[in-house]
């Protein structure tokens, strides 16, 4: 009879998350083993490499982050929904600092080119729901999904809040950042109503 698995995948990922919260990109398989009391070999039995383990953690963290982000985009008023989605970023990073660090372990563009083969399909589709939600928000807000309005929305809802919160990763995210993100995101969105952004 096979021996029961002592450490589940989720337990290993939880251990990896705790280590990333302390050591970020310096985290190792040995650190994870020490965190959960597991032999290094048993972790390698579940994950073929260090990269595979931490990319799996990155993917799980993205899926967790997306829950609240996507919920924010569902509001009846597109501008308010877009601002709420932007503000979700500093709020999530404040509430879940280790998850915020895990989100910053990798860039999607790099992984889609050279990520672990076993995870490449999941990497390729992990942002599909968010992209669909942003297209819907863009259509509702601007009456268009042309490339320049999509770029404007992406800057307002993703690039701007990410840029504002990034210096605080690994430390306390100030509560005041929520209002700053809301003001910046709203101002960027309003450019689409001023003629500053036109169809491509």
N, C-alpha and C. Protein backbone atom coordinates (compact mmCIF):
# COMPACT_ATOMS: atom_id res chain seq x y z
N UNK A 1 0.85 -1.19 0.00
CA UNK A 1 0.00 0.00 0.00
C UNK A 1 0.89 1.25 0.00
N UNK A 2 0.54 2.23 -0.85
CA UNK A 2 1.31 3.45 -0.94
C UNK A 2 1.17 4.27 0.34
N UNK A 3 2.24 4.91 0.72
CA UNK A 3 2.20 5.77 1.90
C UNK A 3 1.38 7.02 1.59
N UNK A 4 0.58 7.47 2.55
CA UNK A 4 -0.21 8.67 2.30
C UNK A 4 0.71 9.89 2.16
N UNK A 5 0.28 10.82 1.32
CA UNK A 5 1.05 12.05 1.13
C UNK A 5 0.94 12.90 2.38
N UNK A 6 2.08 13.25 2.94
CA UNK A 6 2.07 14.00 4.19
C UNK A 6 1.81 15.48 3.97
N UNK A 7 2.34 16.02 2.87
CA UNK A 7 2.21 17.45 2.60
C UNK A 7 1.46 17.64 1.29
N UNK A 8 0.35 18.34 1.36
CA UNK A 8 -0.44 18.60 0.16
C UNK A 8 0.21 19.71 -0.65
N UNK A 9 -0.23 19.83 -1.90
CA UNK A 9 0.27 20.91 -2.74
C UNK A 9 -0.02 22.26 -2.10
N UNK A 10 -1.21 22.42 -1.55
CA UNK A 10 -1.56 23.70 -0.93
C UNK A 10 -0.68 23.99 0.29
N UNK A 11 -0.35 22.97 1.06
CA UNK A 11 0.52 23.19 2.21
C UNK A 11 1.91 23.64 1.76
N UNK A 12 2.40 23.03 0.70
CA UNK A 12 3.71 23.43 0.18
C UNK A 12 3.66 24.87 -0.34
N UNK A 13 2.59 25.21 -1.06
CA UNK A 13 2.46 26.58 -1.57
C UNK A 13 2.29 27.58 -0.43
N UNK A 14 1.58 27.18 0.62
CA UNK A 14 1.45 28.06 1.79
C UNK A 14 2.82 28.30 2.42
N UNK A 15 3.63 27.25 2.49
CA UNK A 15 4.98 27.41 3.01
C UNK A 15 5.81 28.32 2.14
N UNK A 16 5.69 28.15 0.83
CA UNK A 16 6.42 29.01 -0.09
C UNK A 16 5.99 30.47 0.06
N UNK A 17 4.69 30.69 0.26
CA UNK A 17 4.19 32.05 0.44
C UNK A 17 4.79 32.68 1.69
N UNK A 18 4.84 31.93 2.78
CA UNK A 18 5.40 32.46 4.02
C UNK A 18 6.87 32.84 3.83
N UNK A 19 7.60 32.01 3.10
CA UNK A 19 9.02 32.30 2.88
C UNK A 19 9.19 33.50 1.97
N UNK A 20 8.38 33.59 0.93
CA UNK A 20 8.44 34.75 0.03
C UNK A 20 8.15 36.03 0.81
N UNK A 21 7.23 35.96 1.77
CA UNK A 21 6.93 37.12 2.59
C UNK A 21 8.12 37.63 3.37
N UNK A 22 9.10 36.75 3.64
CA UNK A 22 10.30 37.14 4.38
C UNK A 22 11.49 37.40 3.46
N UNK A 23 11.60 36.58 2.40
CA UNK A 23 12.84 36.58 1.60
C UNK A 23 12.63 36.95 0.14
N UNK A 24 11.40 37.11 -0.28
CA UNK A 24 11.03 37.47 -1.65
C UNK A 24 11.78 36.58 -2.64
N UNK A 25 12.49 37.15 -3.59
CA UNK A 25 13.11 36.35 -4.65
C UNK A 25 14.31 35.53 -4.18
N UNK A 26 14.74 35.74 -2.95
CA UNK A 26 15.84 34.93 -2.41
C UNK A 26 15.34 33.62 -1.82
N UNK A 27 14.02 33.41 -1.80
CA UNK A 27 13.46 32.19 -1.21
C UNK A 27 13.95 30.95 -1.96
N UNK A 28 14.18 29.87 -1.22
CA UNK A 28 14.67 28.63 -1.80
C UNK A 28 13.77 27.47 -1.42
N UNK A 29 13.98 26.35 -2.11
CA UNK A 29 13.27 25.12 -1.76
C UNK A 29 13.61 24.71 -0.33
N UNK A 30 14.87 24.86 0.06
CA UNK A 30 15.27 24.50 1.42
C UNK A 30 14.53 25.36 2.44
N UNK A 31 14.33 26.63 2.13
CA UNK A 31 13.57 27.51 3.03
C UNK A 31 12.14 26.99 3.20
N UNK A 32 11.55 26.58 2.09
CA UNK A 32 10.18 26.08 2.14
C UNK A 32 10.11 24.80 2.96
N UNK A 33 11.06 23.90 2.74
CA UNK A 33 11.10 22.68 3.52
C UNK A 33 11.20 22.96 5.00
N UNK A 34 12.07 23.90 5.37
CA UNK A 34 12.21 24.26 6.78
C UNK A 34 10.94 24.88 7.33
N UNK A 35 10.26 25.66 6.51
CA UNK A 35 9.04 26.34 6.94
C UNK A 35 7.95 25.34 7.32
N UNK A 36 7.80 24.27 6.52
CA UNK A 36 6.70 23.34 6.76
C UNK A 36 7.15 22.02 7.37
N UNK A 37 8.46 21.88 7.60
CA UNK A 37 8.98 20.64 8.17
C UNK A 37 8.97 19.49 7.20
N UNK A 38 9.23 19.78 5.93
CA UNK A 38 9.22 18.75 4.89
C UNK A 38 10.62 18.53 4.35
N UNK A 39 10.99 17.30 4.03
CA UNK A 39 12.26 17.06 3.36
C UNK A 39 12.27 17.73 1.99
N UNK A 40 13.41 18.25 1.61
CA UNK A 40 13.52 18.91 0.31
C UNK A 40 13.12 17.96 -0.82
N UNK A 41 13.49 16.70 -0.67
CA UNK A 41 13.16 15.74 -1.71
C UNK A 41 11.68 15.58 -1.95
N UNK A 42 10.88 15.69 -0.87
CA UNK A 42 9.44 15.54 -1.04
C UNK A 42 8.84 16.73 -1.79
N UNK A 43 9.46 17.89 -1.64
CA UNK A 43 8.99 19.06 -2.39
C UNK A 43 9.35 18.90 -3.86
N UNK A 44 10.57 18.44 -4.12
CA UNK A 44 10.98 18.21 -5.51
C UNK A 44 10.15 17.10 -6.16
N UNK A 45 9.64 16.18 -5.35
CA UNK A 45 8.77 15.15 -5.90
C UNK A 45 7.47 15.75 -6.42
N UNK A 46 7.00 16.82 -5.79
CA UNK A 46 5.76 17.49 -6.20
C UNK A 46 6.02 18.55 -7.26
N UNK A 47 7.15 19.24 -7.15
CA UNK A 47 7.51 20.31 -8.09
C UNK A 47 8.89 20.01 -8.63
N UNK A 48 9.00 19.98 -9.95
CA UNK A 48 10.25 19.51 -10.55
C UNK A 48 11.44 20.43 -10.38
N UNK A 49 11.19 21.69 -10.04
CA UNK A 49 12.29 22.64 -9.89
C UNK A 49 11.85 23.78 -8.98
N UNK A 50 12.83 24.57 -8.55
CA UNK A 50 12.51 25.75 -7.76
C UNK A 50 11.59 26.67 -8.55
N UNK A 51 11.90 26.88 -9.83
CA UNK A 51 11.08 27.78 -10.64
C UNK A 51 9.64 27.28 -10.73
N UNK A 52 9.47 25.98 -10.91
CA UNK A 52 8.11 25.44 -11.02
C UNK A 52 7.32 25.70 -9.74
N UNK A 53 7.94 25.54 -8.59
CA UNK A 53 7.25 25.80 -7.33
C UNK A 53 6.84 27.26 -7.22
N UNK A 54 7.77 28.16 -7.47
CA UNK A 54 7.45 29.57 -7.25
C UNK A 54 6.59 30.16 -8.36
N UNK A 55 6.65 29.61 -9.56
CA UNK A 55 5.69 30.02 -10.59
C UNK A 55 4.29 29.54 -10.23
N UNK A 56 4.20 28.33 -9.68
CA UNK A 56 2.89 27.83 -9.22
C UNK A 56 2.33 28.74 -8.13
N UNK A 57 3.19 29.20 -7.23
CA UNK A 57 2.75 30.15 -6.20
C UNK A 57 2.30 31.46 -6.84
N UNK A 58 3.05 31.95 -7.79
CA UNK A 58 2.71 33.18 -8.52
C UNK A 58 1.33 33.05 -9.17
N UNK A 59 1.08 31.93 -9.81
CA UNK A 59 -0.22 31.70 -10.45
C UNK A 59 -1.35 31.67 -9.42
N UNK A 60 -1.12 30.99 -8.30
CA UNK A 60 -2.16 30.94 -7.27
C UNK A 60 -2.43 32.34 -6.72
N UNK A 61 -1.38 33.11 -6.53
CA UNK A 61 -1.54 34.47 -6.00
C UNK A 61 -2.31 35.34 -6.99
N UNK A 62 -2.05 35.20 -8.27
CA UNK A 62 -2.79 35.96 -9.27
C UNK A 62 -4.26 35.59 -9.23
N UNK A 63 -4.57 34.30 -9.15
CA UNK A 63 -5.97 33.89 -9.11
C UNK A 63 -6.67 34.45 -7.87
N UNK A 64 -5.99 34.45 -6.75
CA UNK A 64 -6.58 35.01 -5.53
C UNK A 64 -6.81 36.52 -5.68
N UNK A 65 -5.84 37.21 -6.23
CA UNK A 65 -5.97 38.65 -6.44
C UNK A 65 -7.12 38.97 -7.39
N UNK A 66 -7.28 38.16 -8.41
CA UNK A 66 -8.30 38.41 -9.42
C UNK A 66 -9.72 38.34 -8.87
N UNK A 67 -9.94 37.58 -7.82
CA UNK A 67 -11.30 37.45 -7.27
C UNK A 67 -11.87 38.83 -6.93
N UNK A 68 -11.15 39.60 -6.13
CA UNK A 68 -11.63 40.92 -5.74
C UNK A 68 -11.57 41.92 -6.88
N UNK A 69 -10.56 41.81 -7.72
CA UNK A 69 -10.43 42.73 -8.85
C UNK A 69 -11.61 42.59 -9.79
N UNK A 70 -11.93 41.35 -10.13
CA UNK A 70 -13.05 41.11 -11.04
C UNK A 70 -14.37 41.52 -10.41
N UNK A 71 -14.53 41.29 -9.11
CA UNK A 71 -15.76 41.71 -8.43
C UNK A 71 -15.92 43.22 -8.52
N UNK A 72 -14.81 43.96 -8.39
CA UNK A 72 -14.88 45.42 -8.46
C UNK A 72 -15.33 45.90 -9.83
N UNK A 73 -14.98 45.18 -10.87
CA UNK A 73 -15.34 45.62 -12.23
C UNK A 73 -16.82 45.42 -12.54
N UNK A 74 -17.55 44.76 -11.65
CA UNK A 74 -18.94 44.44 -11.93
C UNK A 74 -19.92 45.55 -11.54
N UNK A 75 -19.44 46.67 -11.01
CA UNK A 75 -20.34 47.74 -10.61
C UNK A 75 -21.14 48.29 -11.79
N UNK A 76 -22.32 48.87 -11.52
CA UNK A 76 -23.20 49.34 -12.61
C UNK A 76 -22.67 50.56 -13.34
N UNK A 77 -21.85 51.38 -12.67
CA UNK A 77 -21.28 52.57 -13.31
C UNK A 77 -19.85 52.25 -13.70
N UNK A 78 -19.55 52.35 -15.00
CA UNK A 78 -18.25 51.89 -15.49
C UNK A 78 -17.10 52.69 -14.91
N UNK A 79 -17.25 53.99 -14.77
CA UNK A 79 -16.14 54.79 -14.21
C UNK A 79 -15.89 54.40 -12.76
N UNK A 80 -16.94 54.31 -11.97
CA UNK A 80 -16.76 53.92 -10.57
C UNK A 80 -16.20 52.51 -10.46
N UNK A 81 -16.65 51.62 -11.33
CA UNK A 81 -16.14 50.25 -11.30
C UNK A 81 -14.66 50.21 -11.63
N UNK A 82 -14.25 50.99 -12.61
CA UNK A 82 -12.83 51.03 -12.98
C UNK A 82 -11.99 51.58 -11.84
N UNK A 83 -12.44 52.64 -11.20
CA UNK A 83 -11.71 53.21 -10.07
C UNK A 83 -11.67 52.20 -8.91
N UNK A 84 -12.78 51.51 -8.67
CA UNK A 84 -12.80 50.50 -7.60
C UNK A 84 -11.81 49.39 -7.88
N UNK A 85 -11.70 48.99 -9.14
CA UNK A 85 -10.72 47.95 -9.49
C UNK A 85 -9.30 48.45 -9.26
N UNK A 86 -9.04 49.71 -9.59
CA UNK A 86 -7.72 50.28 -9.36
C UNK A 86 -7.40 50.31 -7.86
N UNK A 87 -8.36 50.73 -7.05
CA UNK A 87 -8.14 50.84 -5.60
C UNK A 87 -8.01 49.46 -4.95
N UNK A 88 -8.56 48.45 -5.60
CA UNK A 88 -8.39 47.09 -5.07
C UNK A 88 -6.92 46.73 -4.95
N UNK A 89 -6.08 47.30 -5.80
CA UNK A 89 -4.66 46.93 -5.81
C UNK A 89 -3.96 47.34 -4.51
N UNK A 90 -3.98 48.61 -4.10
CA UNK A 90 -3.33 48.91 -2.81
C UNK A 90 -4.02 48.24 -1.62
N UNK A 91 -5.33 48.11 -1.68
CA UNK A 91 -6.03 47.47 -0.56
C UNK A 91 -5.63 46.01 -0.42
N UNK A 92 -5.52 45.31 -1.55
CA UNK A 92 -5.11 43.90 -1.49
C UNK A 92 -3.69 43.78 -0.99
N UNK A 93 -2.80 44.64 -1.48
CA UNK A 93 -1.40 44.57 -1.07
C UNK A 93 -1.23 44.90 0.41
N UNK A 94 -2.09 45.76 0.92
CA UNK A 94 -2.03 46.09 2.35
C UNK A 94 -2.52 44.91 3.19
N UNK A 95 -3.59 44.28 2.75
CA UNK A 95 -4.18 43.19 3.53
C UNK A 95 -3.38 41.91 3.42
N UNK A 96 -2.76 41.67 2.26
CA UNK A 96 -2.04 40.43 2.03
C UNK A 96 -0.61 40.73 1.55
N UNK A 97 0.25 41.20 2.43
CA UNK A 97 1.58 41.63 1.98
C UNK A 97 2.42 40.51 1.37
N UNK A 98 2.31 39.30 1.89
CA UNK A 98 3.09 38.21 1.30
C UNK A 98 2.58 37.87 -0.10
N UNK A 99 1.26 37.88 -0.28
CA UNK A 99 0.70 37.65 -1.62
C UNK A 99 1.16 38.74 -2.58
N UNK A 100 1.24 39.98 -2.10
CA UNK A 100 1.70 41.08 -2.95
C UNK A 100 3.12 40.83 -3.43
N UNK A 101 3.98 40.35 -2.55
CA UNK A 101 5.34 40.02 -2.96
C UNK A 101 5.35 38.86 -3.95
N UNK A 102 4.50 37.86 -3.72
CA UNK A 102 4.42 36.72 -4.63
C UNK A 102 3.98 37.17 -6.02
N UNK A 103 3.06 38.14 -6.09
CA UNK A 103 2.60 38.66 -7.37
C UNK A 103 3.74 39.30 -8.15
N UNK A 104 4.75 39.80 -7.44
CA UNK A 104 5.84 40.51 -8.10
C UNK A 104 7.05 39.62 -8.37
N UNK A 105 6.93 38.32 -8.16
CA UNK A 105 8.05 37.42 -8.39
C UNK A 105 8.45 37.34 -9.86
N UNK A 106 7.45 37.40 -10.74
CA UNK A 106 7.71 37.21 -12.17
C UNK A 106 6.89 38.20 -12.98
N UNK A 107 7.30 38.35 -14.23
CA UNK A 107 6.51 39.10 -15.21
C UNK A 107 5.92 38.12 -16.20
N UNK A 108 4.65 38.33 -16.52
CA UNK A 108 3.95 37.43 -17.44
C UNK A 108 4.70 37.32 -18.76
N UNK A 109 5.18 38.44 -19.27
CA UNK A 109 5.84 38.45 -20.58
C UNK A 109 7.06 37.54 -20.60
N UNK A 110 7.78 37.49 -19.49
CA UNK A 110 8.96 36.63 -19.43
C UNK A 110 8.58 35.17 -19.31
N UNK A 111 7.56 34.88 -18.49
CA UNK A 111 7.16 33.49 -18.29
C UNK A 111 6.55 32.88 -19.53
N UNK A 112 5.79 33.66 -20.29
CA UNK A 112 5.15 33.10 -21.48
C UNK A 112 6.20 32.71 -22.52
N UNK A 113 7.38 33.33 -22.42
CA UNK A 113 8.47 33.00 -23.34
C UNK A 113 9.31 31.84 -22.83
N UNK A 114 9.47 31.75 -21.50
CA UNK A 114 10.44 30.80 -20.97
C UNK A 114 10.03 30.24 -19.61
N UNK A 115 8.72 30.04 -19.41
CA UNK A 115 8.24 29.50 -18.15
C UNK A 115 8.30 27.98 -18.13
N UNK A 116 8.03 27.38 -16.97
CA UNK A 116 8.02 25.91 -16.87
C UNK A 116 7.03 25.29 -17.85
N UNK A 117 7.47 24.28 -18.57
CA UNK A 117 6.63 23.70 -19.62
C UNK A 117 5.30 23.18 -19.07
N UNK A 118 5.32 22.61 -17.88
CA UNK A 118 4.10 22.04 -17.32
C UNK A 118 3.06 23.11 -16.96
N UNK A 119 3.49 24.36 -16.85
CA UNK A 119 2.59 25.43 -16.42
C UNK A 119 2.29 26.44 -17.53
N UNK A 120 2.87 26.22 -18.72
CA UNK A 120 2.80 27.25 -19.75
C UNK A 120 1.36 27.52 -20.21
N UNK A 121 0.53 26.49 -20.26
CA UNK A 121 -0.86 26.71 -20.67
C UNK A 121 -1.59 27.57 -19.65
N UNK A 122 -1.37 27.31 -18.38
CA UNK A 122 -2.02 28.10 -17.34
C UNK A 122 -1.49 29.53 -17.34
N UNK A 123 -0.20 29.68 -17.56
CA UNK A 123 0.38 31.03 -17.65
C UNK A 123 -0.29 31.80 -18.79
N UNK A 124 -0.48 31.12 -19.91
CA UNK A 124 -1.03 31.79 -21.08
C UNK A 124 -2.45 32.27 -20.91
N UNK A 125 -3.22 31.63 -20.04
CA UNK A 125 -4.64 31.97 -19.91
C UNK A 125 -4.99 32.64 -18.58
N UNK A 126 -4.02 32.84 -17.68
CA UNK A 126 -4.33 33.28 -16.33
C UNK A 126 -4.99 34.66 -16.29
N UNK A 127 -4.71 35.50 -17.29
CA UNK A 127 -5.27 36.85 -17.29
C UNK A 127 -6.48 37.00 -18.22
N UNK A 128 -6.97 35.92 -18.78
CA UNK A 128 -8.05 36.02 -19.76
C UNK A 128 -9.30 36.69 -19.19
N UNK A 129 -9.70 36.33 -18.00
CA UNK A 129 -10.92 36.90 -17.41
C UNK A 129 -10.76 38.39 -17.16
N UNK A 130 -9.59 38.80 -16.71
CA UNK A 130 -9.34 40.22 -16.48
C UNK A 130 -9.35 40.98 -17.79
N UNK A 131 -8.73 40.45 -18.82
CA UNK A 131 -8.73 41.13 -20.11
C UNK A 131 -10.14 41.30 -20.64
N UNK A 132 -10.97 40.26 -20.47
CA UNK A 132 -12.37 40.37 -20.91
C UNK A 132 -13.12 41.42 -20.11
N UNK A 133 -12.87 41.47 -18.80
CA UNK A 133 -13.54 42.46 -17.95
C UNK A 133 -13.12 43.87 -18.33
N UNK A 134 -11.85 44.07 -18.64
CA UNK A 134 -11.37 45.40 -19.03
C UNK A 134 -11.94 45.82 -20.38
N UNK A 135 -12.10 44.90 -21.30
CA UNK A 135 -12.73 45.23 -22.58
C UNK A 135 -14.18 45.66 -22.36
N UNK A 136 -14.86 44.96 -21.48
CA UNK A 136 -16.25 45.32 -21.20
C UNK A 136 -16.32 46.69 -20.54
N UNK A 137 -15.44 46.95 -19.58
CA UNK A 137 -15.41 48.25 -18.93
C UNK A 137 -15.10 49.36 -19.94
N UNK A 138 -14.18 49.08 -20.84
CA UNK A 138 -13.81 50.07 -21.84
C UNK A 138 -15.01 50.41 -22.73
N UNK A 139 -15.73 49.39 -23.16
CA UNK A 139 -16.90 49.62 -23.99
C UNK A 139 -17.97 50.40 -23.23
N UNK A 140 -18.16 50.06 -21.97
CA UNK A 140 -19.18 50.75 -21.17
C UNK A 140 -18.78 52.20 -20.87
N UNK A 141 -17.50 52.42 -20.63
CA UNK A 141 -17.05 53.77 -20.25
C UNK A 141 -16.93 54.69 -21.45
N UNK A 142 -16.36 54.19 -22.56
CA UNK A 142 -16.04 55.04 -23.69
C UNK A 142 -16.88 54.76 -24.93
N UNK A 143 -17.68 53.69 -24.87
CA UNK A 143 -18.45 53.32 -26.07
C UNK A 143 -17.57 52.79 -27.17
N UNK A 144 -16.38 52.31 -26.81
CA UNK A 144 -15.41 51.88 -27.81
C UNK A 144 -14.39 50.96 -27.15
N UNK A 145 -13.86 50.03 -27.93
CA UNK A 145 -12.74 49.22 -27.47
C UNK A 145 -11.56 49.36 -28.43
N UNK A 146 -11.41 50.56 -28.99
CA UNK A 146 -10.27 50.80 -29.87
C UNK A 146 -8.99 50.75 -29.05
N UNK A 147 -7.84 50.52 -29.69
CA UNK A 147 -6.60 50.31 -28.95
C UNK A 147 -6.22 51.46 -28.01
N UNK A 148 -6.49 52.70 -28.38
CA UNK A 148 -6.06 53.80 -27.53
C UNK A 148 -6.92 53.92 -26.27
N UNK A 149 -8.22 53.64 -26.39
CA UNK A 149 -9.05 53.66 -25.19
C UNK A 149 -8.72 52.46 -24.29
N UNK A 150 -8.44 51.32 -24.88
CA UNK A 150 -8.03 50.17 -24.08
C UNK A 150 -6.73 50.46 -23.34
N UNK A 151 -5.80 51.13 -24.01
CA UNK A 151 -4.54 51.48 -23.35
C UNK A 151 -4.79 52.47 -22.22
N UNK A 152 -5.64 53.43 -22.44
CA UNK A 152 -5.98 54.41 -21.40
C UNK A 152 -6.56 53.71 -20.18
N UNK A 153 -7.50 52.80 -20.41
CA UNK A 153 -8.11 52.07 -19.30
C UNK A 153 -7.08 51.23 -18.57
N UNK A 154 -6.19 50.58 -19.31
CA UNK A 154 -5.17 49.74 -18.69
C UNK A 154 -4.22 50.58 -17.83
N UNK A 155 -3.86 51.75 -18.30
CA UNK A 155 -3.00 52.63 -17.51
C UNK A 155 -3.72 53.06 -16.23
N UNK A 156 -5.00 53.43 -16.36
CA UNK A 156 -5.77 53.91 -15.21
C UNK A 156 -6.00 52.83 -14.17
N UNK A 157 -6.25 51.61 -14.61
CA UNK A 157 -6.70 50.54 -13.71
C UNK A 157 -5.56 49.61 -13.30
N UNK A 158 -4.50 49.55 -14.09
CA UNK A 158 -3.42 48.62 -13.79
C UNK A 158 -2.07 49.32 -13.61
N UNK A 159 -1.56 49.95 -14.67
CA UNK A 159 -0.20 50.50 -14.61
C UNK A 159 -0.05 51.57 -13.54
N UNK A 160 -0.99 52.49 -13.46
CA UNK A 160 -0.89 53.57 -12.48
C UNK A 160 -0.93 53.05 -11.04
N UNK A 161 -1.95 52.28 -10.66
CA UNK A 161 -1.95 51.79 -9.27
C UNK A 161 -0.80 50.85 -8.97
N UNK A 162 -0.40 50.01 -9.93
CA UNK A 162 0.75 49.15 -9.69
C UNK A 162 2.00 49.99 -9.42
N UNK A 163 2.20 51.03 -10.23
CA UNK A 163 3.36 51.88 -10.06
C UNK A 163 3.36 52.60 -8.72
N UNK A 164 2.19 53.02 -8.26
CA UNK A 164 2.11 53.73 -6.99
C UNK A 164 2.33 52.81 -5.80
N UNK A 165 1.89 51.56 -5.90
CA UNK A 165 2.02 50.66 -4.75
C UNK A 165 3.36 49.95 -4.71
N UNK A 166 4.04 49.83 -5.84
CA UNK A 166 5.25 49.01 -5.91
C UNK A 166 6.33 49.43 -4.90
N UNK A 167 6.57 50.73 -4.66
CA UNK A 167 7.62 51.08 -3.69
C UNK A 167 7.34 50.59 -2.27
N UNK A 168 6.09 50.24 -1.98
CA UNK A 168 5.74 49.83 -0.63
C UNK A 168 5.72 48.31 -0.45
N UNK A 169 5.93 47.55 -1.51
CA UNK A 169 5.90 46.11 -1.38
C UNK A 169 6.97 45.65 -0.39
N UNK A 170 6.57 44.79 0.51
CA UNK A 170 7.46 44.34 1.55
C UNK A 170 7.43 45.21 2.79
N UNK A 171 6.66 46.29 2.73
CA UNK A 171 6.49 47.17 3.89
C UNK A 171 5.01 47.51 4.00
N UNK A 172 4.67 48.41 4.92
CA UNK A 172 3.28 48.79 5.09
C UNK A 172 2.82 49.69 3.95
N UNK A 173 1.67 49.36 3.37
CA UNK A 173 1.09 50.20 2.32
C UNK A 173 0.21 51.25 3.00
N UNK A 174 0.53 52.54 2.87
CA UNK A 174 -0.23 53.57 3.58
C UNK A 174 -1.70 53.58 3.17
N UNK A 175 -2.58 53.80 4.13
CA UNK A 175 -4.01 53.88 3.82
C UNK A 175 -4.31 55.04 2.88
N UNK A 176 -3.53 56.11 2.98
CA UNK A 176 -3.75 57.27 2.12
C UNK A 176 -3.57 56.95 0.65
N UNK A 177 -2.86 55.85 0.36
CA UNK A 177 -2.62 55.50 -1.04
C UNK A 177 -3.92 55.17 -1.76
N UNK A 178 -4.93 54.70 -1.04
CA UNK A 178 -6.20 54.38 -1.68
C UNK A 178 -6.80 55.62 -2.35
N UNK A 179 -6.81 56.75 -1.63
CA UNK A 179 -7.36 57.98 -2.19
C UNK A 179 -6.48 58.51 -3.32
N UNK A 180 -5.19 58.35 -3.19
CA UNK A 180 -4.28 58.80 -4.25
C UNK A 180 -4.53 58.00 -5.52
N UNK A 181 -4.64 56.70 -5.38
CA UNK A 181 -4.92 55.84 -6.54
C UNK A 181 -6.26 56.19 -7.16
N UNK A 182 -7.28 56.39 -6.32
CA UNK A 182 -8.60 56.73 -6.84
C UNK A 182 -8.56 58.03 -7.63
N UNK A 183 -7.88 59.04 -7.10
CA UNK A 183 -7.80 60.34 -7.79
C UNK A 183 -7.04 60.22 -9.11
N UNK A 184 -5.92 59.51 -9.08
CA UNK A 184 -5.11 59.37 -10.29
C UNK A 184 -5.84 58.56 -11.35
N UNK A 185 -6.44 57.45 -10.91
CA UNK A 185 -7.17 56.60 -11.85
C UNK A 185 -8.33 57.36 -12.48
N UNK A 186 -9.10 58.07 -11.65
CA UNK A 186 -10.23 58.82 -12.18
C UNK A 186 -9.81 59.89 -13.16
N UNK A 187 -8.71 60.59 -12.86
CA UNK A 187 -8.23 61.64 -13.77
C UNK A 187 -7.78 61.05 -15.11
N UNK A 188 -7.13 59.92 -15.08
CA UNK A 188 -6.69 59.27 -16.32
C UNK A 188 -7.91 58.84 -17.13
N UNK A 189 -8.89 58.24 -16.47
CA UNK A 189 -10.10 57.82 -17.18
C UNK A 189 -10.79 59.01 -17.84
N UNK A 190 -10.80 60.14 -17.17
CA UNK A 190 -11.50 61.31 -17.69
C UNK A 190 -10.83 61.90 -18.93
N UNK A 191 -9.58 61.54 -19.18
CA UNK A 191 -8.93 61.97 -20.41
C UNK A 191 -9.68 61.48 -21.63
N UNK A 192 -10.36 60.35 -21.47
CA UNK A 192 -11.12 59.81 -22.59
C UNK A 192 -12.34 60.64 -22.96
N UNK A 193 -12.70 61.59 -22.09
CA UNK A 193 -13.86 62.44 -22.34
C UNK A 193 -13.45 63.83 -22.82
N UNK A 194 -12.14 64.09 -22.90
CA UNK A 194 -11.68 65.44 -23.20
C UNK A 194 -11.19 65.62 -24.62
N UNK A 195 -11.17 64.55 -25.38
CA UNK A 195 -10.59 64.64 -26.72
C UNK A 195 -9.11 64.41 -26.74
N UNK A 196 -8.49 64.22 -25.55
CA UNK A 196 -7.05 63.94 -25.50
C UNK A 196 -6.74 62.56 -26.06
N UNK A 197 -7.72 61.67 -25.98
CA UNK A 197 -7.54 60.31 -26.50
C UNK A 197 -8.54 60.12 -27.62
N UNK A 198 -8.07 59.80 -28.79
CA UNK A 198 -8.95 59.63 -29.94
C UNK A 198 -8.76 58.26 -30.52
N UNK A 199 -9.66 57.88 -31.42
CA UNK A 199 -9.55 56.57 -32.04
C UNK A 199 -8.25 56.43 -32.79
N UNK A 200 -7.69 55.23 -32.74
CA UNK A 200 -6.42 54.97 -33.44
C UNK A 200 -6.67 54.97 -34.94
